[in-house]
Amino acid sequence: MEELVQRLNAICDDQPYWTGWYLKDLRTGAAANRNGDTVVPSASTRKIAILMTALKQVNEGTLSLDQPLELTTKYQYTNSGVYQHLTAPTKIPFRDALVLMIIVSDNVCTGTVADTVGLDNINALCQSIGMVGTTHRHSIPDGIARDHAVDATNATTANDVGLILDLILQGTTDADAAAKLGCTPELCQLAMDIMSWQKLRQRLPAKLPQGTKVAHKTGTGARNNNDAGIIFDPNGSPAYILTVYTDELPVNMPERHNSGFGNASEQIAEMSRACWDALVEPQG
């Protein structure tokens, strides 16, 4: 693990912007981080907590996966997902809104789901499991400038998101772990399935062997690229958790023939590959 940590930090040190990360080797339980407790803009990685709050309310009977959810024009000003371009109002099953919120980061669905489950409830779930650096302030932020203060938007830490991913994974087979999220193993497995259907695969999965299962959620903010997920080995067993957060990305990086956002995506992919090479490939 020490050699891998050095490799990850070297990748980060080579960038002209801030990076924080959390890593857990799921075979040994060893964990490490860089700036893991630093609070940064969460962008859409926050949708993992929204998903789990929704599933908690499904478990409690407050909501149903089959109930219709009306999508209106309220959040169509956003630029993520597909429903910004579709005709509103329309109704889809609540389950489908959760799926679209994760797999294409649809913000019309996200804002509507967050309004339905309640920001206070999302924050309460996060606090109850120990996500002490996480705050959900807006269903969907509106007009956040690049130079915004961290406390002006939804925020989290690399360690916090690693924690909730670990608990979801444990909850798929351990009823007590699932109960900490207010869920059942079946609902935790649904969350894992939904995250594994992710269509935005240019970060954590991008440099892994084709077909590698990754249950993850990306995040793109005004000045940051993030990705957080669970990576599985070729046999389908969980191998490692990796969450990577960048901040203060330059608009353009001409010396690398890239944008700051493109460079950060490649960096996250390189970090995930370094973890794969160190933690998965040696196992054969």
C-alpha atoms as a PDB file:
ATOM      1  CA  MET A   1       0.000   0.000   0.000  1.00  0.00           C
ATOM      2  CA  GLU A   2       2.835   2.424   0.787  1.00  0.00           C
ATOM      3  CA  GLU A   3       4.257   2.175  -2.727  1.00  0.00           C
ATOM      4  CA  LEU A   4       0.805   2.696  -4.222  1.00  0.00           C
ATOM      5  CA  VAL A   5       0.197   5.755  -2.036  1.00  0.00           C
ATOM      6  CA  GLN A   6       3.471   7.219  -3.262  1.00  0.00           C
ATOM      7  CA  ARG A   7       2.409   6.572  -6.854  1.00  0.00           C
ATOM      8  CA  LEU A   8      -0.991   8.223  -6.366  1.00  0.00           C
ATOM      9  CA  ASN A   9       0.573  11.237  -4.702  1.00  0.00           C
ATOM     10  CA  ALA A  10       3.125  11.541  -7.495  1.00  0.00           C
ATOM     11  CA  ILE A  11       0.291  11.683 -10.035  1.00  0.00           C
ATOM     12  CA  CYS A  12      -1.364  14.415  -7.967  1.00  0.00           C
ATOM     13  CA  ASP A  13       1.867  16.351  -7.438  1.00  0.00           C
ATOM     14  CA  ASP A  14       2.259  16.536 -11.210  1.00  0.00           C
ATOM     15  CA  GLN A  15      -0.935  18.603 -11.503  1.00  0.00           C
ATOM     16  CA  PRO A  16      -1.143  22.418 -11.172  1.00  0.00           C
ATOM     17  CA  TYR A  17      -4.334  22.180  -9.107  1.00  0.00           C
ATOM     18  CA  TRP A  18      -5.632  20.654  -5.864  1.00  0.00           C
ATOM     19  CA  THR A  19      -6.456  16.958  -5.513  1.00  0.00           C
ATOM     20  CA  GLY A  20      -7.836  14.919  -2.637  1.00  0.00           C
ATOM     21  CA  TRP A  21      -8.488  11.196  -2.608  1.00  0.00           C
ATOM     22  CA  TYR A  22      -9.507   8.226  -0.475  1.00  0.00           C
ATOM     23  CA  LEU A  23      -8.559   4.607  -1.165  1.00  0.00           C
ATOM     24  CA  LYS A  24      -9.549   1.364   0.523  1.00  0.00           C
ATOM     25  CA  ASP A  25      -8.187  -2.051  -0.439  1.00  0.00           C
ATOM     26  CA  LEU A  26     -11.254  -4.236   0.033  1.00  0.00           C
ATOM     27  CA  ARG A  27      -9.210  -7.420   0.264  1.00  0.00           C
ATOM     28  CA  THR A  28      -7.056  -6.329   3.206  1.00  0.00           C
ATOM     29  CA  GLY A  29      -9.051  -3.433   4.661  1.00  0.00           C
ATOM     30  CA  ALA A  30      -6.037  -1.110   4.377  1.00  0.00           C
ATOM     31  CA  ALA A  31      -6.990   2.503   3.681  1.00  0.00           C
ATOM     32  CA  ALA A  32      -5.197   5.742   2.870  1.00  0.00           C
ATOM     33  CA  ASN A  33      -6.032   9.267   1.786  1.00  0.00           C
ATOM     34  CA  ARG A  34      -4.655  12.591   0.633  1.00  0.00           C
ATOM     35  CA  ASN A  35      -6.542  15.657   1.882  1.00  0.00           C
ATOM     36  CA  GLY A  36      -9.302  13.202   2.694  1.00  0.00           C
ATOM     37  CA  ASP A  37     -11.015  15.395   5.285  1.00  0.00           C
ATOM     38  CA  THR A  38     -10.815  18.639   3.299  1.00  0.00           C
ATOM     39  CA  VAL A  39     -14.274  19.946   2.456  1.00  0.00           C
ATOM     40  CA  VAL A  40     -14.677  20.590  -1.277  1.00  0.00           C
ATOM     41  CA  PRO A  41     -17.552  21.076  -3.744  1.00  0.00           C
ATOM     42  CA  SER A  42     -19.233  17.705  -4.092  1.00  0.00           C
ATOM     43  CA  ALA A  43     -20.827  18.277  -7.487  1.00  0.00           C
ATOM     44  CA  SER A  44     -22.870  15.253  -8.512  1.00  0.00           C
ATOM     45  CA  THR A  45     -21.133  12.715  -6.284  1.00  0.00           C
ATOM     46  CA  ARG A  46     -23.651  13.972  -3.706  1.00  0.00           C
ATOM     47  CA  LYS A  47     -26.293  12.019  -5.598  1.00  0.00           C
ATOM     48  CA  ILE A  48     -25.136   8.829  -3.890  1.00  0.00           C
ATOM     49  CA  ALA A  49     -26.453  10.199  -0.591  1.00  0.00           C
ATOM     50  CA  ILE A  50     -29.662  11.395  -2.262  1.00  0.00           C
ATOM     51  CA  LEU A  51     -30.158   7.894  -3.676  1.00  0.00           C
ATOM     52  CA  MET A  52     -29.699   6.273  -0.281  1.00  0.00           C
ATOM     53  CA  THR A  53     -32.057   8.754   1.413  1.00  0.00           C
ATOM     54  CA  ALA A  54     -34.690   7.938  -1.204  1.00  0.00           C
ATOM     55  CA  LEU A  55     -34.222   4.192  -0.692  1.00  0.00           C
ATOM     56  CA  LYS A  56     -34.437   4.695   3.076  1.00  0.00           C
ATOM     57  CA  GLN A  57     -37.829   6.341   2.620  1.00  0.00           C
ATOM     58  CA  VAL A  58     -38.882   3.507   0.316  1.00  0.00           C
ATOM     59  CA  ASN A  59     -37.935   1.069   3.066  1.00  0.00           C
ATOM     60  CA  GLU A  60     -39.925   3.094   5.578  1.00  0.00           C
ATOM     61  CA  GLY A  61     -42.962   3.099   3.301  1.00  0.00           C
ATOM     62  CA  THR A  62     -43.000   6.877   2.856  1.00  0.00           C
ATOM     63  CA  LEU A  63     -42.214   6.508  -0.833  1.00  0.00           C
ATOM     64  CA  SER A  64     -42.616   3.748  -3.399  1.00  0.00           C
ATOM     65  CA  LEU A  65     -40.327   2.856  -6.283  1.00  0.00           C
ATOM     66  CA  ASP A  66     -43.425   2.506  -8.472  1.00  0.00           C
ATOM     67  CA  GLN A  67     -45.099   5.805  -7.629  1.00  0.00           C
ATOM     68  CA  PRO A  68     -45.230   8.417 -10.404  1.00  0.00           C
ATOM     69  CA  LEU A  69     -42.909  11.404 -10.115  1.00  0.00           C
ATOM     70  CA  GLU A  70     -43.782  14.544 -12.064  1.00  0.00           C
ATOM     71  CA  LEU A  71     -40.903  16.274 -13.823  1.00  0.00           C
ATOM     72  CA  THR A  72     -41.657  19.927 -14.583  1.00  0.00           C
ATOM     73  CA  THR A  73     -39.755  22.830 -16.115  1.00  0.00           C
ATOM     74  CA  LYS A  74     -38.403  23.846 -12.674  1.00  0.00           C
ATOM     75  CA  TYR A  75     -34.920  22.395 -13.183  1.00  0.00           C
ATOM     76  CA  GLN A  76     -34.705  22.458 -16.965  1.00  0.00           C
ATOM     77  CA  TYR A  77     -32.236  25.361 -16.783  1.00  0.00           C
ATOM     78  CA  THR A  78     -29.559  22.847 -15.793  1.00  0.00           C
ATOM     79  CA  ASN A  79     -27.066  21.365 -18.248  1.00  0.00           C
ATOM     80  CA  SER A  80     -26.743  17.760 -17.103  1.00  0.00           C
ATOM     81  CA  GLY A  81     -28.709  14.731 -18.207  1.00  0.00           C
ATOM     82  CA  VAL A  82     -31.481  14.335 -20.737  1.00  0.00           C
ATOM     83  CA  TYR A  83     -34.712  15.757 -19.297  1.00  0.00           C
ATOM     84  CA  GLN A  84     -33.454  19.318 -19.776  1.00  0.00           C
ATOM     85  CA  HIS A  85     -34.199  18.717 -23.479  1.00  0.00           C
ATOM     86  CA  LEU A  86     -37.492  16.792 -23.193  1.00  0.00           C
ATOM     87  CA  THR A  87     -41.084  17.920 -23.010  1.00  0.00           C
ATOM     88  CA  ALA A  88     -42.373  18.852 -19.564  1.00  0.00           C
ATOM     89  CA  PRO A  89     -44.389  18.225 -17.561  1.00  0.00           C
ATOM     90  CA  THR A  90     -44.194  14.464 -17.684  1.00  0.00           C
ATOM     91  CA  LYS A  91     -44.420  11.628 -15.194  1.00  0.00           C
ATOM     92  CA  ILE A  92     -42.080   8.672 -14.768  1.00  0.00           C
ATOM     93  CA  PRO A  93     -41.782   6.004 -12.049  1.00  0.00           C
ATOM     94  CA  PHE A  94     -39.794   7.165  -9.008  1.00  0.00           C
ATOM     95  CA  ARG A  95     -37.352   4.293  -9.588  1.00  0.00           C
ATOM     96  CA  ASP A  96     -36.592   5.551 -13.090  1.00  0.00           C
ATOM     97  CA  ALA A  97     -35.851   9.038 -11.769  1.00  0.00           C
ATOM     98  CA  LEU A  98     -33.330   7.518  -9.344  1.00  0.00           C
ATOM     99  CA  VAL A  99     -31.709   5.588 -12.187  1.00  0.00           C
ATOM    100  CA  LEU A 100     -31.419   8.647 -14.443  1.00  0.00           C
ATOM    101  CA  MET A 101     -30.114  10.743 -11.543  1.00  0.00           C
ATOM    102  CA  ILE A 102     -27.164   8.358 -11.256  1.00  0.00           C
ATOM    103  CA  ILE A 103     -26.393   6.890 -14.662  1.00  0.00           C
ATOM    104  CA  VAL A 104     -26.559  10.109 -16.736  1.00  0.00           C
ATOM    105  CA  SER A 105     -26.499  12.549 -13.798  1.00  0.00           C
ATOM    106  CA  ASP A 106     -29.859  13.987 -14.836  1.00  0.00           C
ATOM    107  CA  ASN A 107     -30.405  17.202 -12.882  1.00  0.00           C
ATOM    108  CA  VAL A 108     -34.115  17.539 -13.612  1.00  0.00           C
ATOM    109  CA  CYS A 109     -34.557  14.161 -11.939  1.00  0.00           C
ATOM    110  CA  THR A 110     -32.068  15.018  -9.189  1.00  0.00           C
ATOM    111  CA  GLY A 111     -33.693  18.302  -8.217  1.00  0.00           C
ATOM    112  CA  THR A 112     -37.140  16.723  -8.202  1.00  0.00           C
ATOM    113  CA  VAL A 113     -35.977  13.727  -6.145  1.00  0.00           C
ATOM    114  CA  ALA A 114     -34.128  15.973  -3.678  1.00  0.00           C
ATOM    115  CA  ASP A 115     -37.251  18.116  -3.259  1.00  0.00           C
ATOM    116  CA  THR A 116     -39.303  14.960  -2.709  1.00  0.00           C
ATOM    117  CA  VAL A 117     -37.072  13.395  -0.043  1.00  0.00           C
ATOM    118  CA  GLY A 118     -36.036  16.715   1.565  1.00  0.00           C
ATOM    119  CA  LEU A 119     -32.607  18.275   2.086  1.00  0.00           C
ATOM    120  CA  ASP A 120     -32.962  17.975   5.856  1.00  0.00           C
ATOM    121  CA  ASN A 121     -33.450  14.236   5.524  1.00  0.00           C
ATOM    122  CA  ILE A 122     -30.454  13.884   3.191  1.00  0.00           C
ATOM    123  CA  ASN A 123     -28.278  15.777   5.657  1.00  0.00           C
ATOM    124  CA  ALA A 124     -29.628  13.746   8.566  1.00  0.00           C
ATOM    125  CA  LEU A 125     -28.696  10.473   6.868  1.00  0.00           C
ATOM    126  CA  CYS A 126     -25.201  11.748   6.112  1.00  0.00           C
ATOM    127  CA  GLN A 127     -24.648  12.868   9.696  1.00  0.00           C
ATOM    128  CA  SER A 128     -26.059   9.628  11.115  1.00  0.00           C
ATOM    129  CA  ILE A 129     -23.410   7.516   9.352  1.00  0.00           C
ATOM    130  CA  GLY A 130     -20.502   9.858  10.097  1.00  0.00           C
ATOM    131  CA  MET A 131     -20.227  12.005   6.963  1.00  0.00           C
ATOM    132  CA  VAL A 132     -19.206  14.941   9.112  1.00  0.00           C
ATOM    133  CA  GLY A 133     -17.816  17.081   6.283  1.00  0.00           C
ATOM    134  CA  THR A 134     -20.864  16.778   4.031  1.00  0.00           C
ATOM    135  CA  THR A 135     -23.608  19.393   3.613  1.00  0.00           C
ATOM    136  CA  HIS A 136     -26.440  19.428   1.082  1.00  0.00           C
ATOM    137  CA  ARG A 137     -27.500  23.063   0.679  1.00  0.00           C
ATOM    138  CA  HIS A 138     -29.407  23.067  -2.617  1.00  0.00           C
ATOM    139  CA  SER A 139     -31.533  20.578  -4.495  1.00  0.00           C
ATOM    140  CA  ILE A 140     -29.673  21.893  -7.556  1.00  0.00           C
ATOM    141  CA  PRO A 141     -27.264  24.866  -7.332  1.00  0.00           C
ATOM    142  CA  ASP A 142     -28.227  27.791  -9.549  1.00  0.00           C
ATOM    143  CA  GLY A 143     -25.622  30.017 -11.178  1.00  0.00           C
ATOM    144  CA  ILE A 144     -22.554  29.128  -9.105  1.00  0.00           C
ATOM    145  CA  ALA A 145     -19.493  31.104 -10.269  1.00  0.00           C
ATOM    146  CA  ARG A 146     -16.041  29.526 -10.629  1.00  0.00           C
ATOM    147  CA  ASP A 147     -14.700  31.536  -7.672  1.00  0.00           C
ATOM    148  CA  HIS A 148     -17.507  30.573  -5.280  1.00  0.00           C
ATOM    149  CA  ALA A 149     -16.817  29.804  -1.641  1.00  0.00           C
ATOM    150  CA  VAL A 150     -17.044  26.129  -0.749  1.00  0.00           C
ATOM    151  CA  ASP A 151     -19.856  26.845   1.711  1.00  0.00           C
ATOM    152  CA  ALA A 152     -21.896  28.444  -1.059  1.00  0.00           C
ATOM    153  CA  THR A 153     -22.699  25.082  -2.593  1.00  0.00           C
ATOM    154  CA  ASN A 154     -23.136  21.392  -1.792  1.00  0.00           C
ATOM    155  CA  ALA A 155     -19.932  20.070  -0.264  1.00  0.00           C
ATOM    156  CA  THR A 156     -18.310  16.865   0.945  1.00  0.00           C
ATOM    157  CA  THR A 157     -14.959  15.150   1.507  1.00  0.00           C
ATOM    158  CA  ALA A 158     -13.177  12.275  -0.186  1.00  0.00           C
ATOM    159  CA  ASN A 159     -13.292  10.318   3.080  1.00  0.00           C
ATOM    160  CA  ASP A 160     -17.027  10.907   3.546  1.00  0.00           C
ATOM    161  CA  VAL A 161     -17.945   9.544   0.143  1.00  0.00           C
ATOM    162  CA  GLY A 162     -15.615   6.590   0.630  1.00  0.00           C
ATOM    163  CA  LEU A 163     -17.474   5.885   3.861  1.00  0.00           C
ATOM    164  CA  ILE A 164     -20.961   5.798   2.343  1.00  0.00           C
ATOM    165  CA  LEU A 165     -19.769   3.636  -0.561  1.00  0.00           C
ATOM    166  CA  ASP A 166     -18.217   1.193   1.887  1.00  0.00           C
ATOM    167  CA  LEU A 167     -21.422   1.039   3.923  1.00  0.00           C
ATOM    168  CA  ILE A 168     -23.568   0.441   0.821  1.00  0.00           C
ATOM    169  CA  LEU A 169     -21.264  -2.393  -0.206  1.00  0.00           C
ATOM    170  CA  GLN A 170     -21.368  -3.946   3.268  1.00  0.00           C
ATOM    171  CA  GLY A 171     -25.136  -3.499   3.293  1.00  0.00           C
ATOM    172  CA  THR A 172     -25.585  -5.745   0.272  1.00  0.00           C
ATOM    173  CA  THR A 173     -24.740  -8.774   2.422  1.00  0.00           C
ATOM    174  CA  ASP A 174     -25.036  -7.516   6.023  1.00  0.00           C
ATOM    175  CA  ALA A 175     -28.459  -6.521   7.332  1.00  0.00           C
ATOM    176  CA  ASP A 176     -26.942  -4.588  10.243  1.00  0.00           C
ATOM    177  CA  ALA A 177     -24.848  -2.489   7.860  1.00  0.00           C
ATOM    178  CA  ALA A 178     -27.880  -1.905   5.650  1.00  0.00           C
ATOM    179  CA  ALA A 179     -29.860  -0.823   8.713  1.00  0.00           C
ATOM    180  CA  LYS A 180     -27.357   1.968   9.363  1.00  0.00           C
ATOM    181  CA  LEU A 181     -28.556   3.408   6.067  1.00  0.00           C
ATOM    182  CA  GLY A 182     -32.162   2.728   6.937  1.00  0.00           C
ATOM    183  CA  CYS A 183     -32.279   0.130   4.171  1.00  0.00           C
ATOM    184  CA  THR A 184     -32.344  -3.606   3.545  1.00  0.00           C
ATOM    185  CA  PRO A 185     -29.676  -5.668   1.768  1.00  0.00           C
ATOM    186  CA  GLU A 186     -31.977  -5.782  -1.256  1.00  0.00           C
ATOM    187  CA  LEU A 187     -32.169  -1.983  -1.425  1.00  0.00           C
ATOM    188  CA  CYS A 188     -28.408  -1.659  -0.966  1.00  0.00           C
ATOM    189  CA  GLN A 189     -27.982  -4.098  -3.847  1.00  0.00           C
ATOM    190  CA  LEU A 190     -30.331  -1.985  -5.955  1.00  0.00           C
ATOM    191  CA  ALA A 191     -28.155   1.051  -5.217  1.00  0.00           C
ATOM    192  CA  MET A 192     -25.071  -0.931  -6.198  1.00  0.00           C
ATOM    193  CA  ASP A 193     -26.729  -2.092  -9.414  1.00  0.00           C
ATOM    194  CA  ILE A 194     -27.798   1.434 -10.348  1.00  0.00           C
ATOM    195  CA  MET A 195     -24.293   2.827  -9.772  1.00  0.00           C
ATOM    196  CA  SER A 196     -22.844   0.008 -11.895  1.00  0.00           C
ATOM    197  CA  TRP A 197     -25.102   1.084 -14.799  1.00  0.00           C
ATOM    198  CA  GLN A 198     -23.241   4.411 -14.960  1.00  0.00           C
ATOM    199  CA  LYS A 199     -22.891   5.666 -18.542  1.00  0.00           C
ATOM    200  CA  LEU A 200     -20.309   8.386 -17.803  1.00  0.00           C
ATOM    201  CA  ARG A 201     -17.174   6.245 -17.805  1.00  0.00           C
ATOM    202  CA  GLN A 202     -14.374   8.627 -18.796  1.00  0.00           C
ATOM    203  CA  ARG A 203     -12.838   8.807 -15.300  1.00  0.00           C
ATOM    204  CA  LEU A 204     -12.462   5.857 -12.886  1.00  0.00           C
ATOM    205  CA  PRO A 205     -13.182   3.112 -15.484  1.00  0.00           C
ATOM    206  CA  ALA A 206     -11.523   4.724 -18.514  1.00  0.00           C
ATOM    207  CA  LYS A 207      -8.136   2.949 -18.359  1.00  0.00           C
ATOM    208  CA  LEU A 208      -9.293  -0.309 -16.786  1.00  0.00           C
ATOM    209  CA  PRO A 209      -9.726  -3.512 -18.801  1.00  0.00           C
ATOM    210  CA  GLN A 210     -12.789  -3.353 -21.025  1.00  0.00           C
ATOM    211  CA  GLY A 211     -15.868  -4.631 -19.249  1.00  0.00           C
ATOM    212  CA  THR A 212     -14.575  -3.976 -15.719  1.00  0.00           C
ATOM    213  CA  LYS A 213     -17.471  -3.470 -13.324  1.00  0.00           C
ATOM    214  CA  VAL A 214     -17.355  -0.098 -11.598  1.00  0.00           C
ATOM    215  CA  ALA A 215     -20.191   1.118  -9.364  1.00  0.00           C
ATOM    216  CA  HIS A 216     -19.624   4.857  -9.253  1.00  0.00           C
ATOM    217  CA  LYS A 217     -20.881   8.410  -9.513  1.00  0.00           C
ATOM    218  CA  THR A 218     -19.119  11.211 -11.318  1.00  0.00           C
ATOM    219  CA  GLY A 219     -19.284  14.886 -10.437  1.00  0.00           C
ATOM    220  CA  THR A 220     -18.534  17.999 -12.489  1.00  0.00           C
ATOM    221  CA  GLY A 221     -18.737  21.429 -10.893  1.00  0.00           C
ATOM    222  CA  ALA A 222     -17.910  24.997 -11.841  1.00  0.00           C
ATOM    223  CA  ARG A 223     -14.207  24.327 -11.345  1.00  0.00           C
ATOM    224  CA  ASN A 224     -13.844  20.671 -10.388  1.00  0.00           C
ATOM    225  CA  ASN A 225     -14.034  17.092 -11.670  1.00  0.00           C
ATOM    226  CA  ASN A 226     -14.713  14.203  -9.286  1.00  0.00           C
ATOM    227  CA  ASP A 227     -15.451  10.505  -9.366  1.00  0.00           C
ATOM    228  CA  ALA A 228     -16.164   8.066  -6.563  1.00  0.00           C
ATOM    229  CA  GLY A 229     -16.767   4.367  -6.817  1.00  0.00           C
ATOM    230  CA  ILE A 230     -16.214   0.708  -6.095  1.00  0.00           C
ATOM    231  CA  ILE A 231     -14.094  -1.216  -8.585  1.00  0.00           C
ATOM    232  CA  PHE A 232     -14.585  -4.978  -9.016  1.00  0.00           C
ATOM    233  CA  ASP A 233     -12.015  -7.557 -10.095  1.00  0.00           C
ATOM    234  CA  PRO A 234     -12.449  -9.827 -13.161  1.00  0.00           C
ATOM    235  CA  ASN A 235     -14.217 -12.413 -11.002  1.00  0.00           C
ATOM    236  CA  GLY A 236     -16.825  -9.869  -9.887  1.00  0.00           C
ATOM    237  CA  SER A 237     -15.496  -9.438  -6.344  1.00  0.00           C
ATOM    238  CA  PRO A 238     -15.090  -5.931  -4.885  1.00  0.00           C
ATOM    239  CA  ALA A 239     -11.414  -4.943  -5.146  1.00  0.00           C
ATOM    240  CA  TYR A 240     -11.085  -1.338  -4.008  1.00  0.00           C
ATOM    241  CA  ILE A 241     -12.916   1.882  -3.270  1.00  0.00           C
ATOM    242  CA  LEU A 242     -11.458   5.048  -4.792  1.00  0.00           C
ATOM    243  CA  THR A 243     -12.808   8.571  -4.502  1.00  0.00           C
ATOM    244  CA  VAL A 244     -10.973  11.419  -6.223  1.00  0.00           C
ATOM    245  CA  TYR A 245     -11.764  15.124  -5.924  1.00  0.00           C
ATOM    246  CA  THR A 246     -10.081  17.937  -7.839  1.00  0.00           C
ATOM    247  CA  ASP A 247     -10.536  21.680  -7.411  1.00  0.00           C
ATOM    248  CA  GLU A 248      -9.406  24.982  -8.927  1.00  0.00           C
ATOM    249  CA  LEU A 249      -9.007  23.450 -12.389  1.00  0.00           C
ATOM    250  CA  PRO A 250      -7.608  25.822 -15.015  1.00  0.00           C
ATOM    251  CA  VAL A 251      -9.864  26.569 -17.955  1.00  0.00           C
ATOM    252  CA  ASN A 252      -7.117  25.689 -20.398  1.00  0.00           C
ATOM    253  CA  MET A 253      -3.844  23.742 -20.194  1.00  0.00           C
ATOM    254  CA  PRO A 254      -2.206  24.475 -23.559  1.00  0.00           C
ATOM    255  CA  GLU A 255       1.079  22.915 -22.488  1.00  0.00           C
ATOM    256  CA  ARG A 256      -0.770  19.574 -22.285  1.00  0.00           C
ATOM    257  CA  HIS A 257      -3.052  20.251 -25.253  1.00  0.00           C
ATOM    258  CA  ASN A 258      -5.973  19.861 -22.908  1.00  0.00           C
ATOM    259  CA  SER A 259      -8.522  21.659 -20.771  1.00  0.00           C
ATOM    260  CA  GLY A 260      -8.311  21.520 -16.995  1.00  0.00           C
ATOM    261  CA  PHE A 261     -11.431  19.370 -16.932  1.00  0.00           C
ATOM    262  CA  GLY A 262     -10.085  16.988 -19.571  1.00  0.00           C
ATOM    263  CA  ASN A 263      -6.780  16.737 -17.754  1.00  0.00           C
ATOM    264  CA  ALA A 264      -8.508  15.968 -14.448  1.00  0.00           C
ATOM    265  CA  SER A 265     -10.542  13.201 -16.080  1.00  0.00           C
ATOM    266  CA  GLU A 266      -7.360  11.640 -17.418  1.00  0.00           C
ATOM    267  CA  GLN A 267      -5.704  12.028 -14.013  1.00  0.00           C
ATOM    268  CA  ILE A 268      -8.544  10.219 -12.240  1.00  0.00           C
ATOM    269  CA  ALA A 269      -8.385   7.437 -14.829  1.00  0.00           C
ATOM    270  CA  GLU A 270      -4.619   7.142 -14.329  1.00  0.00           C
ATOM    271  CA  MET A 271      -5.026   6.956 -10.553  1.00  0.00           C
ATOM    272  CA  SER A 272      -7.609   4.209 -10.872  1.00  0.00           C
ATOM    273  CA  ARG A 273      -5.322   2.259 -13.195  1.00  0.00           C
ATOM    274  CA  ALA A 274      -2.468   2.590 -10.694  1.00  0.00           C
ATOM    275  CA  CYS A 275      -4.741   1.070  -8.043  1.00  0.00           C
ATOM    276  CA  TRP A 276      -5.757  -1.709 -10.430  1.00  0.00           C
ATOM    277  CA  ASP A 277      -2.152  -2.536 -11.269  1.00  0.00           C
ATOM    278  CA  ALA A 278      -1.173  -2.634  -7.601  1.00  0.00           C
ATOM    279  CA  LEU A 279      -4.227  -4.292  -6.041  1.00  0.00           C
ATOM    280  CA  VAL A 280      -5.881  -6.431  -8.734  1.00  0.00           C
ATOM    281  CA  GLU A 281      -3.315  -7.538 -11.317  1.00  0.00           C
ATOM    282  CA  PRO A 282      -0.927  -9.136  -8.776  1.00  0.00           C
ATOM    283  CA  GLN A 283      -3.787 -11.400  -7.660  1.00  0.00           C
ATOM    284  CA  GLY A 284      -3.876 -13.009 -11.135  1.00  0.00           C
END
